[in-house]
Amino acid sequence: MTATELTFDTPNLLAHLALLSADELDRLDFGVIGFDDATCVCRYNRFEASAAGLTPAGVLGQPLFTNVAPCLNNSMVAQRFEDAEDDGTALDDTIAYVLTLRMRPVKVALRLLAAPGVPVRYVLVQRKQ
């Protein structure tokens, strides 16, 4: 499946994202924030950079839940990743959310993706129309 065929709701999206280059991530029409086991952002696409007003240079390598998006550091988002890791289970949840950091409140859908043995976890952001 190519990047242009992927949507926010694509089944098994975590496996597809792992295969995409940075240029292919930039072709997606939803925000992609990938982070490593230390919660540092290692993948960040153009859509999210534009929507959030944050440059990749200012985000990549930074801790997601403290420096980049502390508004996600709560039981609805960050804790779900921790719980999945602690339990050794996969995570693929979509939740309604309101982003509040550095912007007026924005209603979004977040898709949280993680799996045991997969080094990059993702927060995907679908802005509501």
N, C-alpha and C. Protein backbone atom coordinates (compact mmCIF):
# COMPACT_ATOMS: atom_id res chain seq x y z
N MET A 1 0.85 -1.18 0.00
CA MET A 1 0.00 0.00 0.00
C MET A 1 0.89 1.24 0.00
N THR A 2 0.59 2.21 -0.84
CA THR A 2 1.40 3.42 -0.93
C THR A 2 0.88 4.47 0.05
N ALA A 3 1.69 5.48 0.26
CA ALA A 3 1.32 6.54 1.19
C ALA A 3 0.02 7.22 0.78
N THR A 4 -0.21 7.39 -0.50
CA THR A 4 -1.43 8.06 -0.96
C THR A 4 -2.68 7.22 -0.72
N GLU A 5 -2.51 5.93 -0.49
CA GLU A 5 -3.65 5.05 -0.23
C GLU A 5 -3.95 4.92 1.27
N LEU A 6 -3.05 5.35 2.11
CA LEU A 6 -3.23 5.24 3.55
C LEU A 6 -4.11 6.35 4.08
N THR A 7 -4.98 6.00 5.00
CA THR A 7 -5.82 6.98 5.67
C THR A 7 -5.65 6.83 7.17
N PHE A 8 -6.20 7.77 7.90
CA PHE A 8 -6.15 7.74 9.35
C PHE A 8 -6.74 6.44 9.89
N ASP A 9 -7.72 5.88 9.20
CA ASP A 9 -8.44 4.70 9.67
C ASP A 9 -7.95 3.38 9.07
N THR A 10 -6.89 3.40 8.28
CA THR A 10 -6.40 2.17 7.65
C THR A 10 -6.11 1.10 8.70
N PRO A 11 -6.65 -0.12 8.49
CA PRO A 11 -6.32 -1.21 9.41
C PRO A 11 -4.83 -1.53 9.38
N ASN A 12 -4.30 -1.98 10.50
CA ASN A 12 -2.89 -2.36 10.62
C ASN A 12 -1.95 -1.23 10.19
N LEU A 13 -2.33 -0.01 10.51
CA LEU A 13 -1.57 1.16 10.06
C LEU A 13 -0.16 1.20 10.65
N LEU A 14 0.03 0.68 11.84
CA LEU A 14 1.36 0.69 12.45
C LEU A 14 2.38 0.01 11.55
N ALA A 15 2.04 -1.12 10.99
CA ALA A 15 2.96 -1.84 10.10
C ALA A 15 3.25 -1.03 8.83
N HIS A 16 2.27 -0.35 8.31
CA HIS A 16 2.46 0.46 7.10
C HIS A 16 3.37 1.66 7.38
N LEU A 17 3.16 2.32 8.52
CA LEU A 17 3.96 3.49 8.85
C LEU A 17 5.44 3.15 8.95
N ALA A 18 5.74 1.99 9.48
CA ALA A 18 7.14 1.58 9.65
C ALA A 18 7.87 1.48 8.32
N LEU A 19 7.13 1.27 7.25
CA LEU A 19 7.74 1.09 5.93
C LEU A 19 7.88 2.40 5.14
N LEU A 20 7.28 3.47 5.64
CA LEU A 20 7.28 4.73 4.90
C LEU A 20 8.54 5.55 5.16
N SER A 21 9.05 6.15 4.10
CA SER A 21 10.17 7.09 4.24
C SER A 21 9.62 8.41 4.79
N ALA A 22 10.50 9.31 5.15
CA ALA A 22 10.08 10.63 5.63
C ALA A 22 9.29 11.37 4.54
N ASP A 23 9.72 11.26 3.29
CA ASP A 23 8.99 11.91 2.19
C ASP A 23 7.58 11.33 2.04
N GLU A 24 7.45 10.03 2.21
CA GLU A 24 6.13 9.40 2.12
C GLU A 24 5.25 9.81 3.29
N LEU A 25 5.82 9.94 4.48
CA LEU A 25 5.04 10.42 5.63
C LEU A 25 4.50 11.82 5.35
N ASP A 26 5.29 12.63 4.66
CA ASP A 26 4.87 14.00 4.35
C ASP A 26 3.70 14.05 3.38
N ARG A 27 3.41 12.97 2.69
CA ARG A 27 2.28 12.93 1.74
C ARG A 27 0.95 12.58 2.41
N LEU A 28 1.00 12.17 3.66
CA LEU A 28 -0.22 11.79 4.37
C LEU A 28 -1.03 13.03 4.72
N ASP A 29 -2.36 12.88 4.76
CA ASP A 29 -3.23 14.02 5.04
C ASP A 29 -3.72 14.04 6.49
N PHE A 30 -2.89 13.55 7.37
CA PHE A 30 -3.14 13.61 8.81
C PHE A 30 -1.79 13.71 9.50
N GLY A 31 -1.81 14.16 10.75
CA GLY A 31 -0.56 14.35 11.49
C GLY A 31 0.03 13.05 11.97
N VAL A 32 1.34 12.95 11.89
CA VAL A 32 2.06 11.76 12.35
C VAL A 32 3.19 12.20 13.28
N ILE A 33 3.15 11.69 14.50
CA ILE A 33 4.23 11.91 15.47
C ILE A 33 4.68 10.53 15.94
N GLY A 34 5.90 10.16 15.58
CA GLY A 34 6.46 8.89 16.02
C GLY A 34 7.49 9.15 17.11
N PHE A 35 7.51 8.27 18.12
CA PHE A 35 8.46 8.47 19.21
C PHE A 35 9.04 7.13 19.65
N ASP A 36 10.24 7.19 20.22
CA ASP A 36 10.97 5.98 20.61
C ASP A 36 10.67 5.59 22.05
N ASP A 37 11.40 4.59 22.55
CA ASP A 37 11.13 4.10 23.89
C ASP A 37 11.47 5.09 25.00
N ALA A 38 12.25 6.12 24.67
CA ALA A 38 12.52 7.20 25.63
C ALA A 38 11.54 8.35 25.46
N THR A 39 10.52 8.15 24.66
CA THR A 39 9.47 9.12 24.28
C THR A 39 9.99 10.31 23.49
N CYS A 40 11.17 10.19 22.89
CA CYS A 40 11.70 11.27 22.05
C CYS A 40 11.15 11.13 20.63
N VAL A 41 10.71 12.25 20.08
CA VAL A 41 10.14 12.26 18.73
C VAL A 41 11.21 11.90 17.71
N CYS A 42 10.91 10.90 16.89
CA CYS A 42 11.85 10.46 15.86
C CYS A 42 11.24 10.51 14.46
N ARG A 43 9.92 10.71 14.38
CA ARG A 43 9.25 10.86 13.08
C ARG A 43 8.19 11.95 13.26
N TYR A 44 8.13 12.85 12.27
CA TYR A 44 7.22 13.99 12.38
C TYR A 44 6.93 14.46 10.97
N ASN A 45 5.67 14.43 10.57
CA ASN A 45 5.40 14.74 9.17
C ASN A 45 5.01 16.20 8.94
N ARG A 46 5.02 16.57 7.68
CA ARG A 46 4.76 17.96 7.26
C ARG A 46 3.37 18.41 7.67
N PHE A 47 2.38 17.54 7.53
CA PHE A 47 1.00 17.91 7.88
C PHE A 47 0.93 18.36 9.34
N GLU A 48 1.52 17.57 10.23
CA GLU A 48 1.47 17.92 11.65
C GLU A 48 2.28 19.18 11.95
N ALA A 49 3.43 19.33 11.31
CA ALA A 49 4.25 20.52 11.51
C ALA A 49 3.47 21.77 11.14
N SER A 50 2.78 21.72 10.01
CA SER A 50 2.01 22.87 9.55
C SER A 50 0.82 23.15 10.47
N ALA A 51 0.10 22.10 10.84
CA ALA A 51 -1.09 22.28 11.68
C ALA A 51 -0.74 22.76 13.09
N ALA A 52 0.34 22.24 13.63
CA ALA A 52 0.73 22.59 15.00
C ALA A 52 1.59 23.85 15.07
N GLY A 53 2.17 24.25 13.95
CA GLY A 53 3.04 25.42 13.95
C GLY A 53 4.39 25.15 14.58
N LEU A 54 4.81 23.89 14.57
CA LEU A 54 6.10 23.50 15.13
C LEU A 54 6.98 22.93 14.03
N THR A 55 8.23 23.35 13.98
CA THR A 55 9.13 22.86 12.93
C THR A 55 9.70 21.50 13.30
N PRO A 56 9.97 20.68 12.28
CA PRO A 56 10.62 19.40 12.58
C PRO A 56 11.93 19.58 13.34
N ALA A 57 12.70 20.59 13.01
CA ALA A 57 13.98 20.83 13.70
C ALA A 57 13.77 21.08 15.19
N GLY A 58 12.67 21.71 15.54
CA GLY A 58 12.39 21.99 16.95
C GLY A 58 11.73 20.85 17.69
N VAL A 59 11.27 19.83 16.96
CA VAL A 59 10.53 18.72 17.56
C VAL A 59 11.35 17.44 17.60
N LEU A 60 12.03 17.11 16.51
CA LEU A 60 12.77 15.85 16.43
C LEU A 60 13.84 15.78 17.52
N GLY A 61 13.86 14.65 18.21
CA GLY A 61 14.82 14.44 19.30
C GLY A 61 14.34 14.94 20.65
N GLN A 62 13.20 15.63 20.68
CA GLN A 62 12.66 16.16 21.94
C GLN A 62 11.67 15.19 22.57
N PRO A 63 11.58 15.16 23.90
CA PRO A 63 10.59 14.31 24.56
C PRO A 63 9.17 14.77 24.23
N LEU A 64 8.36 13.86 23.72
CA LEU A 64 7.01 14.21 23.27
C LEU A 64 6.14 14.74 24.39
N PHE A 65 6.07 14.01 25.50
CA PHE A 65 5.08 14.33 26.52
C PHE A 65 5.48 15.43 27.49
N THR A 66 6.73 15.91 27.42
CA THR A 66 7.14 17.00 28.30
C THR A 66 7.50 18.26 27.51
N ASN A 67 8.26 18.13 26.43
CA ASN A 67 8.71 19.31 25.70
C ASN A 67 7.83 19.67 24.50
N VAL A 68 7.37 18.67 23.77
CA VAL A 68 6.65 18.93 22.52
C VAL A 68 5.15 19.12 22.77
N ALA A 69 4.54 18.19 23.45
CA ALA A 69 3.08 18.24 23.64
C ALA A 69 2.70 17.82 25.06
N PRO A 70 3.01 18.65 26.03
CA PRO A 70 2.64 18.30 27.40
C PRO A 70 1.13 18.13 27.60
N CYS A 71 0.33 18.67 26.68
CA CYS A 71 -1.12 18.50 26.78
C CYS A 71 -1.53 17.05 26.54
N LEU A 72 -0.60 16.20 26.08
CA LEU A 72 -0.88 14.78 25.89
C LEU A 72 -0.38 13.93 27.06
N ASN A 73 0.25 14.58 28.04
CA ASN A 73 0.84 13.86 29.17
C ASN A 73 -0.22 13.64 30.25
N ASN A 74 -1.10 12.68 29.98
CA ASN A 74 -2.21 12.41 30.89
C ASN A 74 -2.66 10.96 30.73
N SER A 75 -3.70 10.59 31.46
CA SER A 75 -4.18 9.21 31.43
C SER A 75 -4.83 8.83 30.11
N MET A 76 -5.30 9.80 29.37
CA MET A 76 -5.95 9.49 28.09
C MET A 76 -4.96 9.12 27.00
N VAL A 77 -3.73 9.65 27.08
CA VAL A 77 -2.76 9.43 26.01
C VAL A 77 -1.50 8.76 26.54
N ALA A 78 -0.65 9.50 27.22
CA ALA A 78 0.65 8.97 27.65
C ALA A 78 0.50 7.70 28.49
N GLN A 79 -0.46 7.68 29.39
CA GLN A 79 -0.64 6.51 30.26
C GLN A 79 -1.03 5.27 29.47
N ARG A 80 -1.78 5.44 28.39
CA ARG A 80 -2.17 4.28 27.57
C ARG A 80 -0.94 3.62 26.93
N PHE A 81 0.01 4.45 26.51
CA PHE A 81 1.25 3.89 25.96
C PHE A 81 2.02 3.15 27.05
N GLU A 82 2.11 3.74 28.24
CA GLU A 82 2.82 3.09 29.35
C GLU A 82 2.15 1.78 29.73
N ASP A 83 0.83 1.78 29.81
CA ASP A 83 0.11 0.57 30.19
C ASP A 83 0.31 -0.54 29.17
N ALA A 84 0.24 -0.20 27.89
CA ALA A 84 0.45 -1.21 26.84
C ALA A 84 1.86 -1.78 26.92
N GLU A 85 2.83 -0.91 27.15
CA GLU A 85 4.22 -1.38 27.26
C GLU A 85 4.38 -2.29 28.48
N ASP A 86 3.83 -1.87 29.61
CA ASP A 86 3.94 -2.66 30.84
C ASP A 86 3.26 -4.02 30.70
N ASP A 87 2.13 -4.05 29.98
CA ASP A 87 1.37 -5.28 29.81
C ASP A 87 1.88 -6.13 28.64
N GLY A 88 2.76 -5.56 27.81
CA GLY A 88 3.24 -6.27 26.63
C GLY A 88 2.16 -6.49 25.59
N THR A 89 1.24 -5.52 25.48
CA THR A 89 0.13 -5.65 24.55
C THR A 89 0.20 -4.58 23.47
N ALA A 90 -0.48 -4.85 22.38
CA ALA A 90 -0.59 -3.87 21.29
C ALA A 90 -1.59 -2.79 21.68
N LEU A 91 -1.39 -1.61 21.11
CA LEU A 91 -2.29 -0.48 21.34
C LEU A 91 -2.72 0.05 19.98
N ASP A 92 -4.01 0.12 19.76
CA ASP A 92 -4.58 0.76 18.57
C ASP A 92 -5.92 1.33 18.99
N ASP A 93 -5.89 2.52 19.60
CA ASP A 93 -7.08 3.19 20.10
C ASP A 93 -7.26 4.52 19.39
N THR A 94 -8.50 4.84 19.09
CA THR A 94 -8.84 6.15 18.54
C THR A 94 -9.73 6.86 19.56
N ILE A 95 -9.34 8.09 19.91
CA ILE A 95 -10.10 8.84 20.92
C ILE A 95 -10.38 10.25 20.42
N ALA A 96 -11.50 10.79 20.85
CA ALA A 96 -11.79 12.21 20.62
C ALA A 96 -10.97 13.00 21.63
N TYR A 97 -10.41 14.12 21.19
CA TYR A 97 -9.51 14.87 22.05
C TYR A 97 -9.58 16.35 21.69
N VAL A 98 -9.16 17.19 22.61
CA VAL A 98 -9.04 18.63 22.35
C VAL A 98 -7.61 19.04 22.64
N LEU A 99 -6.91 19.48 21.60
CA LEU A 99 -5.54 19.99 21.76
C LEU A 99 -5.62 21.43 22.25
N THR A 100 -4.76 21.77 23.22
CA THR A 100 -4.84 23.11 23.81
C THR A 100 -3.52 23.84 23.86
N LEU A 101 -2.42 23.19 23.60
CA LEU A 101 -1.12 23.83 23.77
C LEU A 101 -0.78 24.72 22.59
N ARG A 102 -0.34 25.94 22.86
CA ARG A 102 0.15 26.88 21.85
C ARG A 102 -0.89 27.26 20.79
N MET A 103 -2.15 27.00 21.07
CA MET A 103 -3.18 27.29 20.07
C MET A 103 -4.52 27.40 20.76
N ARG A 104 -5.49 27.89 20.03
CA ARG A 104 -6.84 27.84 20.57
C ARG A 104 -7.25 26.38 20.62
N PRO A 105 -8.19 26.01 21.46
CA PRO A 105 -8.61 24.60 21.54
C PRO A 105 -9.06 24.09 20.17
N VAL A 106 -8.55 22.92 19.80
CA VAL A 106 -8.85 22.31 18.50
C VAL A 106 -9.33 20.89 18.73
N LYS A 107 -10.54 20.58 18.25
CA LYS A 107 -11.06 19.23 18.35
C LYS A 107 -10.38 18.35 17.31
N VAL A 108 -9.90 17.21 17.77
CA VAL A 108 -9.21 16.26 16.90
C VAL A 108 -9.61 14.83 17.27
N ALA A 109 -9.24 13.91 16.42
CA ALA A 109 -9.25 12.50 16.78
C ALA A 109 -7.79 12.10 16.86
N LEU A 110 -7.43 11.38 17.90
CA LEU A 110 -6.08 10.85 18.05
C LEU A 110 -6.15 9.34 17.88
N ARG A 111 -5.21 8.81 17.13
CA ARG A 111 -5.06 7.35 17.04
C ARG A 111 -3.73 7.01 17.66
N LEU A 112 -3.76 6.16 18.67
CA LEU A 112 -2.58 5.77 19.43
C LEU A 112 -2.16 4.38 18.98
N LEU A 113 -0.92 4.26 18.50
CA LEU A 113 -0.45 3.00 17.94
C LEU A 113 0.86 2.56 18.58
N ALA A 114 0.90 1.32 19.02
CA ALA A 114 2.12 0.74 19.57
C ALA A 114 1.97 -0.78 19.54
N ALA A 115 3.10 -1.47 19.51
CA ALA A 115 3.07 -2.93 19.57
C ALA A 115 4.37 -3.44 20.17
N PRO A 116 4.30 -4.54 20.89
CA PRO A 116 5.53 -5.13 21.44
C PRO A 116 6.53 -5.42 20.33
N GLY A 117 7.79 -5.08 20.58
CA GLY A 117 8.83 -5.35 19.60
C GLY A 117 8.94 -4.35 18.47
N VAL A 118 8.03 -3.38 18.43
CA VAL A 118 8.08 -2.33 17.40
C VAL A 118 8.70 -1.10 18.05
N PRO A 119 9.84 -0.63 17.53
CA PRO A 119 10.60 0.41 18.23
C PRO A 119 9.98 1.81 18.21
N VAL A 120 9.07 2.07 17.27
CA VAL A 120 8.47 3.41 17.17
C VAL A 120 6.98 3.30 17.47
N ARG A 121 6.53 4.16 18.39
CA ARG A 121 5.12 4.28 18.72
C ARG A 121 4.61 5.57 18.08
N TYR A 122 3.31 5.66 17.86
CA TYR A 122 2.76 6.80 17.13
C TYR A 122 1.54 7.40 17.79
N VAL A 123 1.48 8.73 17.70
CA VAL A 123 0.26 9.48 17.93
C VAL A 123 -0.08 10.08 16.57
N LEU A 124 -1.25 9.70 16.04
CA LEU A 124 -1.73 10.25 14.78
C LEU A 124 -2.81 11.26 15.10
N VAL A 125 -2.84 12.35 14.34
CA VAL A 125 -3.76 13.44 14.63
C VAL A 125 -4.61 13.73 13.39
N GLN A 126 -5.92 13.54 13.54
CA GLN A 126 -6.88 13.86 12.47
C GLN A 126 -7.64 15.09 12.90
N ARG A 127 -7.40 16.20 12.23
CA ARG A 127 -8.14 17.42 12.56
C ARG A 127 -9.57 17.29 12.07
N LYS A 128 -10.51 17.73 12.88
CA LYS A 128 -11.93 17.68 12.52
C LYS A 128 -12.23 18.78 11.51
N GLN A 129 -13.08 18.45 10.60
CA GLN A 129 -13.46 19.43 9.55
C GLN A 129 -14.61 20.28 10.03
